[in-house]
C-alpha atoms as a PDB file:
ATOM      1  CA  MET A   1      16.883 -13.546  53.928  1.00  0.00           C
ATOM      2  CA  HIS A   2      19.231 -14.000  56.875  1.00  0.00           C
ATOM      3  CA  THR A   3      20.943 -10.847  58.133  1.00  0.00           C
ATOM      4  CA  HIS A   4      24.276 -11.497  59.805  1.00  0.00           C
ATOM      5  CA  LEU A   5      24.802 -10.112  63.283  1.00  0.00           C
ATOM      6  CA  PHE A   6      28.277  -8.718  62.523  1.00  0.00           C
ATOM      7  CA  THR A   7      30.270  -7.541  59.518  1.00  0.00           C
ATOM      8  CA  ILE A   8      34.068  -7.690  59.521  1.00  0.00           C
ATOM      9  CA  PHE A   9      35.520  -4.935  57.346  1.00  0.00           C
ATOM     10  CA  THR A  10      39.106  -5.260  56.108  1.00  0.00           C
ATOM     11  CA  PRO A  11      40.506  -2.270  54.187  1.00  0.00           C
ATOM     12  CA  THR A  12      43.671  -3.237  52.326  1.00  0.00           C
ATOM     13  CA  LEU A  13      45.972  -1.931  49.610  1.00  0.00           C
ATOM     14  CA  ASN A  14      48.477  -4.243  47.928  1.00  0.00           C
ATOM     15  CA  ARG A  15      48.706  -6.572  50.918  1.00  0.00           C
ATOM     16  CA  ALA A  16      47.638  -9.838  49.293  1.00  0.00           C
ATOM     17  CA  HIS A  17      50.401 -11.734  51.074  1.00  0.00           C
ATOM     18  CA  LEU A  18      48.855 -10.916  54.473  1.00  0.00           C
ATOM     19  CA  LEU A  19      45.299 -12.009  53.664  1.00  0.00           C
ATOM     20  CA  PRO A  20      45.765 -15.819  53.992  1.00  0.00           C
ATOM     21  CA  ARG A  21      46.859 -15.466  57.614  1.00  0.00           C
ATOM     22  CA  LEU A  22      43.821 -13.276  58.369  1.00  0.00           C
ATOM     23  CA  TYR A  23      41.549 -15.709  56.528  1.00  0.00           C
ATOM     24  CA  GLU A  24      42.810 -18.653  58.584  1.00  0.00           C
ATOM     25  CA  SER A  25      42.241 -16.669  61.774  1.00  0.00           C
ATOM     26  CA  ILE A  26      38.674 -15.833  60.749  1.00  0.00           C
ATOM     27  CA  LYS A  27      37.957 -19.483  59.951  1.00  0.00           C
ATOM     28  CA  ARG A  28      39.028 -20.483  63.455  1.00  0.00           C
ATOM     29  CA  GLN A  29      36.372 -18.312  65.097  1.00  0.00           C
ATOM     30  CA  THR A  30      33.714 -20.313  66.918  1.00  0.00           C
ATOM     31  CA  PHE A  31      31.123 -17.571  66.375  1.00  0.00           C
ATOM     32  CA  LYS A  32      29.989 -17.825  62.749  1.00  0.00           C
ATOM     33  CA  ASP A  33      27.157 -15.291  62.372  1.00  0.00           C
ATOM     34  CA  PHE A  34      29.146 -12.710  60.414  1.00  0.00           C
ATOM     35  CA  ILE A  35      30.226 -11.784  56.911  1.00  0.00           C
ATOM     36  CA  TRP A  36      33.698 -10.658  55.863  1.00  0.00           C
ATOM     37  CA  VAL A  37      33.990  -7.671  53.528  1.00  0.00           C
ATOM     38  CA  VAL A  38      37.397  -6.887  52.026  1.00  0.00           C
ATOM     39  CA  MET A  39      37.799  -3.408  50.544  1.00  0.00           C
ATOM     40  CA  TYR A  40      40.836  -3.510  48.274  1.00  0.00           C
ATOM     41  CA  GLY A  41      40.127  -0.436  46.140  1.00  0.00           C
ATOM     42  CA  GLU A  42      43.052   0.395  43.866  1.00  0.00           C
ATOM     43  CA  SER A  43      45.209  -2.608  44.768  1.00  0.00           C
ATOM     44  CA  SER A  44      47.469  -3.556  41.875  1.00  0.00           C
ATOM     45  CA  ASP A  45      48.805  -6.827  43.302  1.00  0.00           C
ATOM     46  CA  ASN A  46      47.035 -10.211  43.250  1.00  0.00           C
ATOM     47  CA  THR A  47      44.547  -9.398  46.040  1.00  0.00           C
ATOM     48  CA  GLU A  48      41.544 -10.233  43.847  1.00  0.00           C
ATOM     49  CA  GLU A  49      43.059 -13.591  42.877  1.00  0.00           C
ATOM     50  CA  VAL A  50      43.732 -14.452  46.532  1.00  0.00           C
ATOM     51  CA  LEU A  51      40.148 -13.606  47.498  1.00  0.00           C
ATOM     52  CA  GLU A  52      38.843 -15.731  44.632  1.00  0.00           C
ATOM     53  CA  GLY A  53      40.871 -18.612  46.032  1.00  0.00           C
ATOM     54  CA  PHE A  54      39.123 -18.233  49.386  1.00  0.00           C
ATOM     55  CA  LYS A  55      35.740 -18.460  47.664  1.00  0.00           C
ATOM     56  CA  ASN A  56      36.824 -21.559  45.750  1.00  0.00           C
ATOM     57  CA  GLU A  57      38.029 -23.231  48.940  1.00  0.00           C
ATOM     58  CA  LYS A  58      34.619 -22.704  50.531  1.00  0.00           C
ATOM     59  CA  ILE A  59      32.939 -24.318  47.531  1.00  0.00           C
ATOM     60  CA  ILE A  60      35.118 -27.428  47.445  1.00  0.00           C
ATOM     61  CA  LYS A  61      34.631 -28.013  51.154  1.00  0.00           C
ATOM     62  CA  SER A  62      30.838 -28.119  50.799  1.00  0.00           C
ATOM     63  CA  GLU A  63      28.819 -31.313  51.103  1.00  0.00           C
ATOM     64  CA  SER A  64      27.470 -30.946  47.559  1.00  0.00           C
ATOM     65  CA  PHE A  65      31.019 -30.919  46.193  1.00  0.00           C
ATOM     66  CA  TYR A  66      31.840 -34.033  48.205  1.00  0.00           C
ATOM     67  CA  ASN A  67      28.785 -35.829  46.809  1.00  0.00           C
ATOM     68  CA  ASP A  68      29.694 -34.800  43.265  1.00  0.00           C
ATOM     69  CA  PHE A  69      33.211 -36.116  43.819  1.00  0.00           C
ATOM     70  CA  LEU A  70      31.901 -39.506  44.958  1.00  0.00           C
ATOM     71  CA  GLU A  71      29.484 -39.706  42.031  1.00  0.00           C
ATOM     72  CA  GLY A  72      32.038 -38.548  39.459  1.00  0.00           C
ATOM     73  CA  ASN A  73      30.072 -35.441  38.479  1.00  0.00           C
ATOM     74  CA  ILE A  74      32.629 -32.710  39.072  1.00  0.00           C
ATOM     75  CA  ASN A  75      33.962 -32.544  35.519  1.00  0.00           C
ATOM     76  CA  GLN A  76      30.439 -32.024  34.193  1.00  0.00           C
ATOM     77  CA  LYS A  77      29.637 -28.979  36.349  1.00  0.00           C
ATOM     78  CA  GLU A  78      30.804 -25.597  35.057  1.00  0.00           C
ATOM     79  CA  GLU A  79      30.329 -23.893  38.424  1.00  0.00           C
ATOM     80  CA  TYR A  80      33.412 -25.689  39.752  1.00  0.00           C
ATOM     81  CA  PHE A  81      35.735 -24.330  37.085  1.00  0.00           C
ATOM     82  CA  SER A  82      37.323 -20.979  36.288  1.00  0.00           C
ATOM     83  CA  ASP A  83      38.906 -19.743  33.072  1.00  0.00           C
ATOM     84  CA  ASN A  84      42.404 -20.499  34.387  1.00  0.00           C
ATOM     85  CA  VAL A  85      43.931 -23.441  32.522  1.00  0.00           C
ATOM     86  CA  ILE A  86      47.253 -25.087  33.366  1.00  0.00           C
ATOM     87  CA  ASN A  87      48.742 -27.372  30.727  1.00  0.00           C
ATOM     88  CA  ILE A  88      50.843 -30.279  31.955  1.00  0.00           C
ATOM     89  CA  GLU A  89      52.116 -32.779  29.400  1.00  0.00           C
ATOM     90  CA  ASP A  90      51.736 -35.739  31.749  1.00  0.00           C
ATOM     91  CA  ALA A  91      50.168 -35.815  35.220  1.00  0.00           C
ATOM     92  CA  PRO A  92      50.641 -39.280  36.758  1.00  0.00           C
ATOM     93  CA  CYS A  93      49.037 -40.264  40.046  1.00  0.00           C
ATOM     94  CA  PHE A  94      51.113 -40.528  43.203  1.00  0.00           C
ATOM     95  CA  PRO A  95      50.587 -41.152  46.951  1.00  0.00           C
ATOM     96  CA  ILE A  96      49.078 -38.117  48.686  1.00  0.00           C
ATOM     97  CA  TYR A  97      48.287 -39.549  52.141  1.00  0.00           C
ATOM     98  CA  ILE A  98      50.991 -41.470  53.993  1.00  0.00           C
ATOM     99  CA  ALA A  99      49.653 -41.932  57.497  1.00  0.00           C
ATOM    100  CA  LYS A 100      49.407 -45.712  57.698  1.00  0.00           C
ATOM    101  CA  GLY A 101      51.672 -48.691  57.150  1.00  0.00           C
ATOM    102  CA  SER A 102      55.074 -49.760  58.417  1.00  0.00           C
ATOM    103  CA  ASP A 103      58.029 -47.400  58.442  1.00  0.00           C
ATOM    104  CA  GLU A 104      59.416 -49.097  55.353  1.00  0.00           C
ATOM    105  CA  GLU A 105      56.098 -48.758  53.532  1.00  0.00           C
ATOM    106  CA  LYS A 106      55.888 -45.074  54.408  1.00  0.00           C
ATOM    107  CA  LYS A 107      59.448 -44.496  53.196  1.00  0.00           C
ATOM    108  CA  ALA A 108      58.649 -46.188  49.893  1.00  0.00           C
ATOM    109  CA  LEU A 109      55.523 -44.065  49.426  1.00  0.00           C
ATOM    110  CA  PHE A 110      57.349 -40.825  50.256  1.00  0.00           C
ATOM    111  CA  SER A 111      60.128 -41.704  47.843  1.00  0.00           C
ATOM    112  CA  LYS A 112      57.646 -42.498  45.070  1.00  0.00           C
ATOM    113  CA  ALA A 113      55.728 -39.250  45.611  1.00  0.00           C
ATOM    114  CA  ILE A 114      58.874 -37.108  45.702  1.00  0.00           C
ATOM    115  CA  ASN A 115      60.221 -38.664  42.496  1.00  0.00           C
ATOM    116  CA  ILE A 116      56.964 -38.274  40.565  1.00  0.00           C
ATOM    117  CA  ILE A 117      56.454 -34.677  41.718  1.00  0.00           C
ATOM    118  CA  SER A 118      60.062 -33.888  40.841  1.00  0.00           C
ATOM    119  CA  GLU A 119      59.805 -35.325  37.335  1.00  0.00           C
ATOM    120  CA  TYR A 120      56.335 -34.150  36.314  1.00  0.00           C
ATOM    121  CA  TYR A 121      55.184 -31.187  38.416  1.00  0.00           C
ATOM    122  CA  ILE A 122      58.077 -29.103  39.734  1.00  0.00           C
ATOM    123  CA  ASN A 123      58.820 -27.647  36.280  1.00  0.00           C
ATOM    124  CA  THR A 124      55.686 -25.507  36.593  1.00  0.00           C
ATOM    125  CA  ASP A 125      55.962 -21.988  37.979  1.00  0.00           C
ATOM    126  CA  ARG A 126      56.341 -21.968  41.741  1.00  0.00           C
ATOM    127  CA  ASP A 127      53.138 -19.939  42.032  1.00  0.00           C
ATOM    128  CA  ILE A 128      51.390 -22.966  40.554  1.00  0.00           C
ATOM    129  CA  HIS A 129      52.939 -25.914  42.375  1.00  0.00           C
ATOM    130  CA  MET A 130      52.775 -24.089  45.709  1.00  0.00           C
ATOM    131  CA  ASN A 131      49.108 -23.240  45.189  1.00  0.00           C
ATOM    132  CA  LYS A 132      46.800 -25.556  47.139  1.00  0.00           C
ATOM    133  CA  MET A 133      43.933 -24.999  44.681  1.00  0.00           C
ATOM    134  CA  PHE A 134      46.066 -26.406  41.881  1.00  0.00           C
ATOM    135  CA  TRP A 135      46.543 -29.647  43.818  1.00  0.00           C
ATOM    136  CA  TYR A 136      42.973 -29.857  45.071  1.00  0.00           C
ATOM    137  CA  SER A 137      41.752 -29.430  41.487  1.00  0.00           C
ATOM    138  CA  LEU A 138      44.135 -32.096  40.222  1.00  0.00           C
ATOM    139  CA  PHE A 139      43.102 -34.560  42.928  1.00  0.00           C
ATOM    140  CA  CYS A 140      39.377 -34.076  42.401  1.00  0.00           C
ATOM    141  CA  THR A 141      39.373 -34.191  38.599  1.00  0.00           C
ATOM    142  CA  LYS A 142      42.331 -36.193  37.264  1.00  0.00           C
ATOM    143  CA  MET A 143      43.109 -38.447  40.243  1.00  0.00           C
ATOM    144  CA  ARG A 144      39.603 -39.262  41.491  1.00  0.00           C
ATOM    145  CA  GLU A 145      39.536 -42.981  40.659  1.00  0.00           C
ATOM    146  CA  TYR A 146      43.065 -43.507  41.952  1.00  0.00           C
ATOM    147  CA  LEU A 147      42.237 -41.809  45.256  1.00  0.00           C
ATOM    148  CA  LEU A 148      39.030 -43.764  45.776  1.00  0.00           C
ATOM    149  CA  ASN A 149      40.921 -47.022  45.185  1.00  0.00           C
ATOM    150  CA  GLU A 150      43.935 -46.152  47.321  1.00  0.00           C
ATOM    151  CA  TYR A 151      42.044 -44.449  50.146  1.00  0.00           C
ATOM    152  CA  PRO A 152      38.583 -46.078  50.385  1.00  0.00           C
ATOM    153  CA  GLN A 153      37.965 -44.299  53.711  1.00  0.00           C
ATOM    154  CA  ILE A 154      37.148 -41.231  51.593  1.00  0.00           C
ATOM    155  CA  LYS A 155      33.781 -42.831  50.845  1.00  0.00           C
ATOM    156  CA  ASP A 156      32.905 -43.112  54.534  1.00  0.00           C
ATOM    157  CA  SER A 157      32.581 -39.440  55.430  1.00  0.00           C
ATOM    158  CA  ILE A 158      33.198 -35.885  54.301  1.00  0.00           C
ATOM    159  CA  LYS A 159      35.607 -35.552  57.229  1.00  0.00           C
ATOM    160  CA  ASN A 160      37.813 -38.276  55.741  1.00  0.00           C
ATOM    161  CA  PHE A 161      37.558 -36.589  52.341  1.00  0.00           C
ATOM    162  CA  HIS A 162      38.821 -33.336  53.827  1.00  0.00           C
ATOM    163  CA  ASN A 163      41.565 -35.091  55.793  1.00  0.00           C
ATOM    164  CA  VAL A 164      42.889 -37.052  52.813  1.00  0.00           C
ATOM    165  CA  VAL A 165      42.112 -35.046  49.661  1.00  0.00           C
ATOM    166  CA  LEU A 166      41.695 -31.497  50.956  1.00  0.00           C
ATOM    167  CA  LYS A 167      44.130 -31.663  53.840  1.00  0.00           C
ATOM    168  CA  LYS A 168      45.347 -28.260  54.984  1.00  0.00           C
ATOM    169  CA  PHE A 169      48.242 -27.238  52.752  1.00  0.00           C
ATOM    170  CA  ASP A 170      51.032 -26.684  55.243  1.00  0.00           C
ATOM    171  CA  TRP A 171      54.030 -28.527  56.716  1.00  0.00           C
ATOM    172  CA  GLU A 172      51.784 -31.362  57.965  1.00  0.00           C
ATOM    173  CA  ASN A 173      50.421 -32.034  54.486  1.00  0.00           C
ATOM    174  CA  TYR A 174      52.197 -34.989  52.853  1.00  0.00           C
ATOM    175  CA  VAL A 175      52.090 -33.465  49.369  1.00  0.00           C
ATOM    176  CA  TYR A 176      53.475 -30.168  50.682  1.00  0.00           C
ATOM    177  CA  LYS A 177      56.389 -32.066  52.253  1.00  0.00           C
ATOM    178  CA  CYS A 178      57.107 -33.903  49.009  1.00  0.00           C
ATOM    179  CA  ILE A 179      56.877 -30.732  46.922  1.00  0.00           C
ATOM    180  CA  LEU A 180      59.500 -28.948  49.019  1.00  0.00           C
ATOM    181  CA  ALA A 181      61.767 -31.991  49.053  1.00  0.00           C
ATOM    182  CA  ALA A 182      61.525 -32.304  45.269  1.00  0.00           C
ATOM    183  CA  GLU A 183      62.022 -28.579  44.753  1.00  0.00           C
ATOM    184  CA  TYR A 184      64.975 -28.159  47.102  1.00  0.00           C
ATOM    185  CA  ILE A 185      66.832 -31.191  45.761  1.00  0.00           C
ATOM    186  CA  LYS A 186      66.171 -30.393  42.109  1.00  0.00           C
ATOM    187  CA  ASP A 187      67.347 -26.807  42.615  1.00  0.00           C
ATOM    188  CA  TYR A 188      70.518 -28.001  44.339  1.00  0.00           C
ATOM    189  CA  THR A 189      71.768 -30.647  41.919  1.00  0.00           C
ATOM    190  CA  THR A 190      71.103 -31.927  38.409  1.00  0.00           C
ATOM    191  CA  ASP A 191      72.930 -35.193  39.038  1.00  0.00           C
ATOM    192  CA  GLU A 192      70.391 -38.030  39.195  1.00  0.00           C
ATOM    193  CA  LEU A 193      72.455 -40.171  41.580  1.00  0.00           C
ATOM    194  CA  GLU A 194      72.906 -37.234  43.943  1.00  0.00           C
ATOM    195  CA  ARG A 195      69.193 -36.532  43.855  1.00  0.00           C
ATOM    196  CA  GLU A 196      68.421 -40.117  44.769  1.00  0.00           C
ATOM    197  CA  ARG A 197      70.876 -39.952  47.679  1.00  0.00           C
ATOM    198  CA  TYR A 198      69.249 -36.814  49.078  1.00  0.00           C
ATOM    199  CA  ILE A 199      65.761 -38.255  48.670  1.00  0.00           C
ATOM    200  CA  GLY A 200      66.991 -41.344  50.525  1.00  0.00           C
ATOM    201  CA  LEU A 201      68.375 -39.175  53.329  1.00  0.00           C
ATOM    202  CA  ILE A 202      65.040 -37.392  53.686  1.00  0.00           C
ATOM    203  CA  VAL A 203      62.882 -40.521  53.785  1.00  0.00           C
ATOM    204  CA  ASP A 204      65.313 -42.169  56.219  1.00  0.00           C
ATOM    205  CA  ASN A 205      65.083 -39.138  58.522  1.00  0.00           C
ATOM    206  CA  LEU A 206      61.445 -38.071  58.225  1.00  0.00           C
ATOM    207  CA  ASP A 207      61.102 -36.902  61.825  1.00  0.00           C
ATOM    208  CA  PHE A 208      64.059 -34.579  61.341  1.00  0.00           C
ATOM    209  CA  TYR A 209      62.686 -33.364  57.993  1.00  0.00           C
ATOM    210  CA  ASN A 210      59.276 -32.671  59.561  1.00  0.00           C
ATOM    211  CA  TYR A 211      60.955 -30.624  62.291  1.00  0.00           C
ATOM    212  CA  ILE A 212      62.731 -28.471  59.712  1.00  0.00           C
ATOM    213  CA  LEU A 213      59.498 -27.819  57.790  1.00  0.00           C
ATOM    214  CA  LYS A 214      57.541 -27.014  60.936  1.00  0.00           C
ATOM    215  CA  TYR A 215      59.542 -23.830  61.596  1.00  0.00           C
ATOM    216  CA  PRO A 216      59.785 -21.231  58.805  1.00  0.00           C
ATOM    217  CA  ILE A 217      63.159 -20.068  60.090  1.00  0.00           C
ATOM    218  CA  PHE A 218      64.650 -23.445  59.100  1.00  0.00           C
ATOM    219  CA  ARG A 219      62.550 -23.971  55.957  1.00  0.00           C
ATOM    220  CA  SER A 220      65.069 -23.301  53.202  1.00  0.00           C
ATOM    221  CA  LYS A 221      66.991 -25.247  50.596  1.00  0.00           C
ATOM    222  CA  GLU A 222      70.359 -24.142  51.949  1.00  0.00           C
ATOM    223  CA  PHE A 223      69.655 -25.193  55.530  1.00  0.00           C
ATOM    224  CA  LEU A 224      68.102 -28.538  54.576  1.00  0.00           C
ATOM    225  CA  ILE A 225      70.944 -29.525  52.249  1.00  0.00           C
ATOM    226  CA  LYS A 226      73.534 -28.486  54.839  1.00  0.00           C
ATOM    227  CA  MET A 227      71.847 -30.623  57.514  1.00  0.00           C
ATOM    228  CA  LEU A 228      71.492 -33.595  55.145  1.00  0.00           C
ATOM    229  CA  ASN A 229      75.190 -33.369  54.304  1.00  0.00           C
ATOM    230  CA  ILE A 230      76.029 -33.469  58.021  1.00  0.00           C
ATOM    231  CA  ILE A 231      73.827 -36.536  58.481  1.00  0.00           C
ATOM    232  CA  ARG A 232      75.493 -38.087  55.474  1.00  0.00           C
ATOM    233  CA  LEU A 233      78.960 -37.567  56.941  1.00  0.00           C
ATOM    234  CA  LEU A 234      78.042 -38.787  60.412  1.00  0.00           C
ATOM    235  CA  PHE A 235      75.914 -41.825  59.683  1.00  0.00           C
ATOM    236  CA  CYS A 236      76.445 -42.962  56.095  1.00  0.00           C
END
């Protein structure tokens, strides 16, 4: 049995919100011969759930998981599933990777994704629709055939699979961008015509929208809507 050269010990108490940043830092290390031990003792927050998410992420990024995805075997393997069940009445497919095509094609895909997410997914608790494991699970189980048809490059390599299906869930992730757009607009107005106008403003100004999402200080509903209203007054 292999014995790791180093052990990283992390004592923590009710600091679940800080663990993802530490986890990302550990993953970036070029030296890999270590294990990470988190001692969370009497923590009463969701530390255990966060750590379980890290374990699940490691599993879905393995080569065996990738092969099972290609062969359509994931739904038949219990080891990929937990006891957590999320019920959604309807879960239609939508574009998740919008890196290619003309500007007009990209705008159309963004608009479609934002509208579908807004109508079918944003009504879940925020802890769900902002959880990357929820989306990864959805993509790999319910949307598999759609993704293989829309993004055939997934079949070429595990790297493409990670880049398209398991893309890092941050401001550069297309689904993440669409989720925040759908959430901010839906929270701001219930008027369907107004929602469509704001979605149009976002897809017509994607570079500006990306800039806002890149910096947490700007990443808020109030700031985005205020900036979109200014754009609307100046250019529309």
